[in-house]
Amino acid sequence: MTPALHQLRLLGEELRQAFADERAAIAKLDHARLADLADHKRRLCDQLVALREKVEPSPEIRDLFVAIQVEARATAMLAAAATEAVRALLGTEAMGYDRRARSTAAPALRLLATY
């Protein structure tokens, strides 16, 4: 195993762990941890891009990236479910997208007042 391939595997496993940690932070609605993990994932991706030219494609690398893709999808699905749960709790409803592909929401249909 070449040093670049070994480094790529380590970074890939670290990225998978970051996705798992992100799911735990989403479950806890821990915004600070999510921000830290986003920065960490960005740095890992930059390092993976730098290693991309140094490693020849192989089935082992393909399997690693398939596993990373599975982790990313699981995280995206949990984030979408959490978003829907928060919207339901707040009483807002997703209406669609505007011209800039930003999600639009209808205002709450009930007044949540505390006295």
N, C-alpha and C. Protein backbone atom coordinates (compact mmCIF):
# COMPACT_ATOMS: atom_id res chain seq x y z
N MET A 1 0.85 -1.18 0.00
CA MET A 1 0.00 0.00 0.00
C MET A 1 0.90 1.24 0.00
N THR A 2 0.62 2.13 -0.91
CA THR A 2 1.41 3.36 -1.00
C THR A 2 1.04 4.30 0.15
N PRO A 3 1.95 5.20 0.50
CA PRO A 3 1.62 6.16 1.56
C PRO A 3 0.42 7.04 1.21
N ALA A 4 0.28 7.41 -0.06
CA ALA A 4 -0.85 8.25 -0.46
C ALA A 4 -2.17 7.47 -0.31
N LEU A 5 -2.16 6.20 -0.67
CA LEU A 5 -3.36 5.38 -0.53
C LEU A 5 -3.72 5.22 0.95
N HIS A 6 -2.72 5.00 1.78
CA HIS A 6 -2.96 4.88 3.22
C HIS A 6 -3.55 6.18 3.78
N GLN A 7 -2.98 7.31 3.37
CA GLN A 7 -3.49 8.61 3.83
C GLN A 7 -4.92 8.83 3.35
N LEU A 8 -5.21 8.42 2.12
CA LEU A 8 -6.56 8.55 1.57
C LEU A 8 -7.56 7.72 2.38
N ARG A 9 -7.17 6.51 2.75
CA ARG A 9 -8.05 5.66 3.56
C ARG A 9 -8.30 6.29 4.92
N LEU A 10 -7.25 6.83 5.54
CA LEU A 10 -7.41 7.47 6.85
C LEU A 10 -8.34 8.67 6.77
N LEU A 11 -8.15 9.49 5.74
CA LEU A 11 -9.03 10.66 5.57
C LEU A 11 -10.47 10.24 5.29
N GLY A 12 -10.63 9.20 4.48
CA GLY A 12 -11.97 8.71 4.19
C GLY A 12 -12.68 8.21 5.44
N GLU A 13 -11.96 7.47 6.26
CA GLU A 13 -12.56 6.98 7.51
C GLU A 13 -12.85 8.14 8.46
N GLU A 14 -12.00 9.14 8.48
CA GLU A 14 -12.24 10.31 9.32
C GLU A 14 -13.48 11.07 8.83
N LEU A 15 -13.67 11.14 7.53
CA LEU A 15 -14.85 11.80 6.97
C LEU A 15 -16.12 11.01 7.31
N ARG A 16 -16.04 9.68 7.25
CA ARG A 16 -17.19 8.86 7.64
C ARG A 16 -17.54 9.10 9.10
N GLN A 17 -16.53 9.20 9.95
CA GLN A 17 -16.79 9.46 11.37
C GLN A 17 -17.39 10.85 11.57
N ALA A 18 -16.94 11.82 10.78
CA ALA A 18 -17.50 13.17 10.86
C ALA A 18 -18.98 13.17 10.51
N PHE A 19 -19.36 12.37 9.50
CA PHE A 19 -20.78 12.27 9.15
C PHE A 19 -21.58 11.63 10.30
N ALA A 20 -21.01 10.61 10.93
CA ALA A 20 -21.69 9.97 12.07
C ALA A 20 -21.84 10.96 13.23
N ASP A 21 -20.79 11.73 13.49
CA ASP A 21 -20.85 12.74 14.55
C ASP A 21 -21.88 13.81 14.21
N GLU A 22 -21.98 14.14 12.93
CA GLU A 22 -22.94 15.14 12.49
C GLU A 22 -24.37 14.66 12.74
N ARG A 23 -24.63 13.38 12.50
CA ARG A 23 -25.97 12.85 12.76
C ARG A 23 -26.30 12.93 14.25
N ALA A 24 -25.30 12.66 15.10
CA ALA A 24 -25.53 12.77 16.54
C ALA A 24 -25.83 14.23 16.93
N ALA A 25 -25.13 15.17 16.31
CA ALA A 25 -25.35 16.59 16.60
C ALA A 25 -26.72 17.04 16.09
N ILE A 26 -27.15 16.52 14.95
CA ILE A 26 -28.48 16.85 14.44
C ILE A 26 -29.54 16.33 15.40
N ALA A 27 -29.35 15.12 15.89
CA ALA A 27 -30.32 14.54 16.82
C ALA A 27 -30.45 15.36 18.09
N LYS A 28 -29.35 16.00 18.50
CA LYS A 28 -29.36 16.83 19.71
C LYS A 28 -29.66 18.30 19.41
N LEU A 29 -29.81 18.63 18.12
CA LEU A 29 -29.98 20.02 17.68
C LEU A 29 -28.86 20.91 18.22
N ASP A 30 -27.64 20.41 18.13
CA ASP A 30 -26.45 21.11 18.63
C ASP A 30 -25.84 21.93 17.50
N HIS A 31 -26.27 23.19 17.39
CA HIS A 31 -25.84 24.05 16.29
C HIS A 31 -24.33 24.32 16.31
N ALA A 32 -23.77 24.55 17.47
CA ALA A 32 -22.33 24.84 17.56
C ALA A 32 -21.51 23.65 17.07
N ARG A 33 -21.91 22.45 17.47
CA ARG A 33 -21.19 21.25 17.02
C ARG A 33 -21.34 21.06 15.51
N LEU A 34 -22.52 21.35 14.99
CA LEU A 34 -22.74 21.24 13.55
C LEU A 34 -21.84 22.20 12.77
N ALA A 35 -21.68 23.41 13.28
CA ALA A 35 -20.80 24.38 12.62
C ALA A 35 -19.36 23.90 12.65
N ASP A 36 -18.91 23.37 13.79
CA ASP A 36 -17.55 22.84 13.89
C ASP A 36 -17.34 21.68 12.93
N LEU A 37 -18.32 20.79 12.85
CA LEU A 37 -18.20 19.64 11.96
C LEU A 37 -18.20 20.06 10.49
N ALA A 38 -18.94 21.10 10.15
CA ALA A 38 -18.93 21.58 8.76
C ALA A 38 -17.54 22.07 8.38
N ASP A 39 -16.89 22.80 9.27
CA ASP A 39 -15.52 23.25 9.00
C ASP A 39 -14.56 22.07 8.90
N HIS A 40 -14.73 21.11 9.79
CA HIS A 40 -13.87 19.92 9.78
C HIS A 40 -14.04 19.14 8.47
N LYS A 41 -15.29 18.96 8.03
CA LYS A 41 -15.53 18.24 6.78
C LYS A 41 -14.95 19.01 5.59
N ARG A 42 -15.03 20.32 5.62
CA ARG A 42 -14.47 21.13 4.54
C ARG A 42 -12.96 20.92 4.44
N ARG A 43 -12.28 20.91 5.59
CA ARG A 43 -10.83 20.68 5.59
C ARG A 43 -10.50 19.27 5.09
N LEU A 44 -11.29 18.28 5.52
CA LEU A 44 -11.05 16.91 5.07
C LEU A 44 -11.22 16.79 3.55
N CYS A 45 -12.25 17.44 3.03
CA CYS A 45 -12.49 17.38 1.58
C CYS A 45 -11.35 18.05 0.80
N ASP A 46 -10.82 19.15 1.33
CA ASP A 46 -9.68 19.80 0.68
C ASP A 46 -8.47 18.86 0.64
N GLN A 47 -8.26 18.13 1.73
CA GLN A 47 -7.14 17.19 1.77
C GLN A 47 -7.38 16.01 0.82
N LEU A 48 -8.63 15.55 0.73
CA LEU A 48 -8.94 14.47 -0.20
C LEU A 48 -8.71 14.88 -1.65
N VAL A 49 -9.07 16.11 -1.98
CA VAL A 49 -8.85 16.61 -3.34
C VAL A 49 -7.35 16.65 -3.66
N ALA A 50 -6.54 17.06 -2.68
CA ALA A 50 -5.10 17.12 -2.89
C ALA A 50 -4.51 15.72 -3.13
N LEU A 51 -5.10 14.71 -2.52
CA LEU A 51 -4.59 13.33 -2.70
C LEU A 51 -5.13 12.66 -3.95
N ARG A 52 -6.14 13.23 -4.55
CA ARG A 52 -6.81 12.59 -5.68
C ARG A 52 -5.84 12.26 -6.82
N GLU A 53 -4.93 13.18 -7.13
CA GLU A 53 -4.01 12.94 -8.25
C GLU A 53 -2.89 11.97 -7.91
N LYS A 54 -2.67 11.72 -6.64
CA LYS A 54 -1.55 10.88 -6.23
C LYS A 54 -1.90 9.40 -6.15
N VAL A 55 -3.17 9.06 -6.27
CA VAL A 55 -3.60 7.67 -6.09
C VAL A 55 -4.28 7.17 -7.36
N GLU A 56 -3.90 5.98 -7.76
CA GLU A 56 -4.53 5.35 -8.92
C GLU A 56 -5.89 4.78 -8.52
N PRO A 57 -6.89 4.87 -9.39
CA PRO A 57 -8.20 4.30 -9.08
C PRO A 57 -8.10 2.79 -8.84
N SER A 58 -8.85 2.30 -7.87
CA SER A 58 -8.86 0.87 -7.57
C SER A 58 -10.20 0.52 -6.94
N PRO A 59 -10.53 -0.78 -6.90
CA PRO A 59 -11.79 -1.19 -6.26
C PRO A 59 -11.83 -0.81 -4.77
N GLU A 60 -10.69 -0.83 -4.12
CA GLU A 60 -10.64 -0.47 -2.70
C GLU A 60 -11.04 0.99 -2.49
N ILE A 61 -10.54 1.87 -3.34
CA ILE A 61 -10.88 3.29 -3.25
C ILE A 61 -12.36 3.49 -3.58
N ARG A 62 -12.84 2.78 -4.57
CA ARG A 62 -14.25 2.88 -4.94
C ARG A 62 -15.13 2.48 -3.75
N ASP A 63 -14.79 1.38 -3.09
CA ASP A 63 -15.57 0.93 -1.93
C ASP A 63 -15.55 1.96 -0.81
N LEU A 64 -14.41 2.60 -0.61
CA LEU A 64 -14.30 3.64 0.42
C LEU A 64 -15.25 4.79 0.11
N PHE A 65 -15.27 5.23 -1.13
CA PHE A 65 -16.12 6.36 -1.49
C PHE A 65 -17.60 5.99 -1.54
N VAL A 66 -17.90 4.74 -1.83
CA VAL A 66 -19.29 4.29 -1.73
C VAL A 66 -19.75 4.34 -0.27
N ALA A 67 -18.88 3.93 0.65
CA ALA A 67 -19.21 3.99 2.09
C ALA A 67 -19.39 5.43 2.54
N ILE A 68 -18.55 6.33 2.05
CA ILE A 68 -18.69 7.76 2.39
C ILE A 68 -20.01 8.29 1.85
N GLN A 69 -20.37 7.88 0.64
CA GLN A 69 -21.63 8.32 0.03
C GLN A 69 -22.83 7.83 0.85
N VAL A 70 -22.76 6.61 1.36
CA VAL A 70 -23.85 6.08 2.20
C VAL A 70 -23.99 6.92 3.46
N GLU A 71 -22.86 7.27 4.09
CA GLU A 71 -22.88 8.10 5.30
C GLU A 71 -23.46 9.48 4.99
N ALA A 72 -23.08 10.05 3.86
CA ALA A 72 -23.57 11.37 3.48
C ALA A 72 -25.08 11.35 3.24
N ARG A 73 -25.56 10.30 2.58
CA ARG A 73 -27.01 10.19 2.34
C ARG A 73 -27.78 10.04 3.65
N ALA A 74 -27.26 9.23 4.56
CA ALA A 74 -27.93 9.05 5.85
C ALA A 74 -28.00 10.37 6.60
N THR A 75 -26.92 11.14 6.55
CA THR A 75 -26.90 12.44 7.22
C THR A 75 -27.89 13.40 6.57
N ALA A 76 -27.95 13.40 5.25
CA ALA A 76 -28.88 14.29 4.54
C ALA A 76 -30.33 13.91 4.85
N MET A 77 -30.62 12.62 4.94
CA MET A 77 -31.98 12.19 5.24
C MET A 77 -32.38 12.61 6.66
N LEU A 78 -31.45 12.48 7.61
CA LEU A 78 -31.75 12.89 8.98
C LEU A 78 -31.93 14.40 9.06
N ALA A 79 -31.09 15.15 8.34
CA ALA A 79 -31.22 16.61 8.35
C ALA A 79 -32.57 17.03 7.77
N ALA A 80 -33.02 16.38 6.71
CA ALA A 80 -34.32 16.71 6.12
C ALA A 80 -35.45 16.38 7.10
N ALA A 81 -35.35 15.25 7.77
CA ALA A 81 -36.38 14.88 8.74
C ALA A 81 -36.40 15.86 9.91
N ALA A 82 -35.22 16.28 10.36
CA ALA A 82 -35.15 17.25 11.46
C ALA A 82 -35.74 18.59 11.05
N THR A 83 -35.48 19.01 9.82
CA THR A 83 -36.04 20.26 9.31
C THR A 83 -37.56 20.20 9.28
N GLU A 84 -38.09 19.10 8.81
CA GLU A 84 -39.54 18.94 8.76
C GLU A 84 -40.14 18.92 10.16
N ALA A 85 -39.46 18.28 11.10
CA ALA A 85 -39.96 18.22 12.47
C ALA A 85 -39.98 19.61 13.11
N VAL A 86 -38.94 20.39 12.88
CA VAL A 86 -38.90 21.75 13.43
C VAL A 86 -39.98 22.61 12.78
N ARG A 87 -40.17 22.47 11.49
CA ARG A 87 -41.23 23.23 10.81
C ARG A 87 -42.60 22.85 11.36
N ALA A 88 -42.82 21.57 11.60
CA ALA A 88 -44.10 21.14 12.16
C ALA A 88 -44.29 21.70 13.56
N LEU A 89 -43.22 21.71 14.33
CA LEU A 89 -43.30 22.24 15.69
C LEU A 89 -43.61 23.73 15.68
N LEU A 90 -43.03 24.45 14.74
CA LEU A 90 -43.26 25.89 14.64
C LEU A 90 -44.55 26.24 13.91
N GLY A 91 -45.14 25.26 13.27
CA GLY A 91 -46.39 25.50 12.57
C GLY A 91 -46.21 26.12 11.20
N THR A 92 -45.03 26.01 10.60
CA THR A 92 -44.83 26.53 9.24
C THR A 92 -44.91 25.38 8.25
N GLU A 93 -45.18 25.72 7.04
CA GLU A 93 -45.35 24.71 6.01
C GLU A 93 -44.53 25.11 4.78
N ALA A 94 -43.73 24.19 4.27
CA ALA A 94 -42.93 24.47 3.08
C ALA A 94 -43.86 24.62 1.89
N MET A 95 -43.67 25.71 1.15
CA MET A 95 -44.55 26.00 0.03
C MET A 95 -43.91 25.70 -1.32
N GLY A 96 -42.61 25.76 -1.41
CA GLY A 96 -41.93 25.54 -2.68
C GLY A 96 -40.60 26.27 -2.69
N TYR A 97 -40.20 26.72 -3.87
CA TYR A 97 -38.90 27.38 -4.02
C TYR A 97 -39.08 28.66 -4.81
N ASP A 98 -38.24 29.66 -4.51
CA ASP A 98 -38.28 30.90 -5.27
C ASP A 98 -37.32 30.80 -6.45
N ARG A 99 -37.11 31.91 -7.15
CA ARG A 99 -36.25 31.91 -8.34
C ARG A 99 -34.81 31.55 -8.04
N ARG A 100 -34.37 31.77 -6.83
CA ARG A 100 -32.98 31.46 -6.46
C ARG A 100 -32.86 30.12 -5.75
N ALA A 101 -33.87 29.29 -5.89
CA ALA A 101 -33.91 27.94 -5.32
C ALA A 101 -33.85 27.95 -3.80
N ARG A 102 -34.37 29.01 -3.21
CA ARG A 102 -34.49 29.06 -1.75
C ARG A 102 -35.87 28.56 -1.37
N SER A 103 -35.92 27.78 -0.33
CA SER A 103 -37.20 27.24 0.13
C SER A 103 -38.06 28.37 0.69
N THR A 104 -39.33 28.36 0.33
CA THR A 104 -40.26 29.35 0.87
C THR A 104 -41.22 28.63 1.82
N ALA A 105 -41.69 29.36 2.82
CA ALA A 105 -42.59 28.75 3.80
C ALA A 105 -43.77 29.67 4.05
N ALA A 106 -44.90 29.06 4.31
CA ALA A 106 -46.09 29.81 4.66
C ALA A 106 -46.00 30.22 6.12
N PRO A 107 -46.55 31.35 6.46
CA PRO A 107 -46.53 31.75 7.87
C PRO A 107 -47.33 30.78 8.72
N ALA A 108 -47.04 30.80 9.99
CA ALA A 108 -47.75 29.93 10.93
C ALA A 108 -49.24 30.25 10.89
N LEU A 109 -50.04 29.22 10.92
CA LEU A 109 -51.48 29.40 10.88
C LEU A 109 -52.07 29.61 12.27
N ARG A 110 -51.27 29.49 13.28
CA ARG A 110 -51.76 29.69 14.64
C ARG A 110 -50.79 30.61 15.37
N LEU A 111 -51.27 31.25 16.36
CA LEU A 111 -50.45 32.16 17.15
C LEU A 111 -49.97 31.43 18.39
N LEU A 112 -48.65 31.36 18.53
CA LEU A 112 -48.07 30.73 19.71
C LEU A 112 -47.67 31.82 20.68
N ALA A 113 -48.54 32.10 21.62
CA ALA A 113 -48.29 33.19 22.56
C ALA A 113 -48.09 32.63 23.95
N THR A 114 -47.22 33.26 24.71
CA THR A 114 -47.04 32.90 26.11
C THR A 114 -47.38 34.10 26.96
N TYR A 115 -47.95 33.86 28.08
CA TYR A 115 -48.36 34.93 28.97
C TYR A 115 -47.61 34.86 30.27
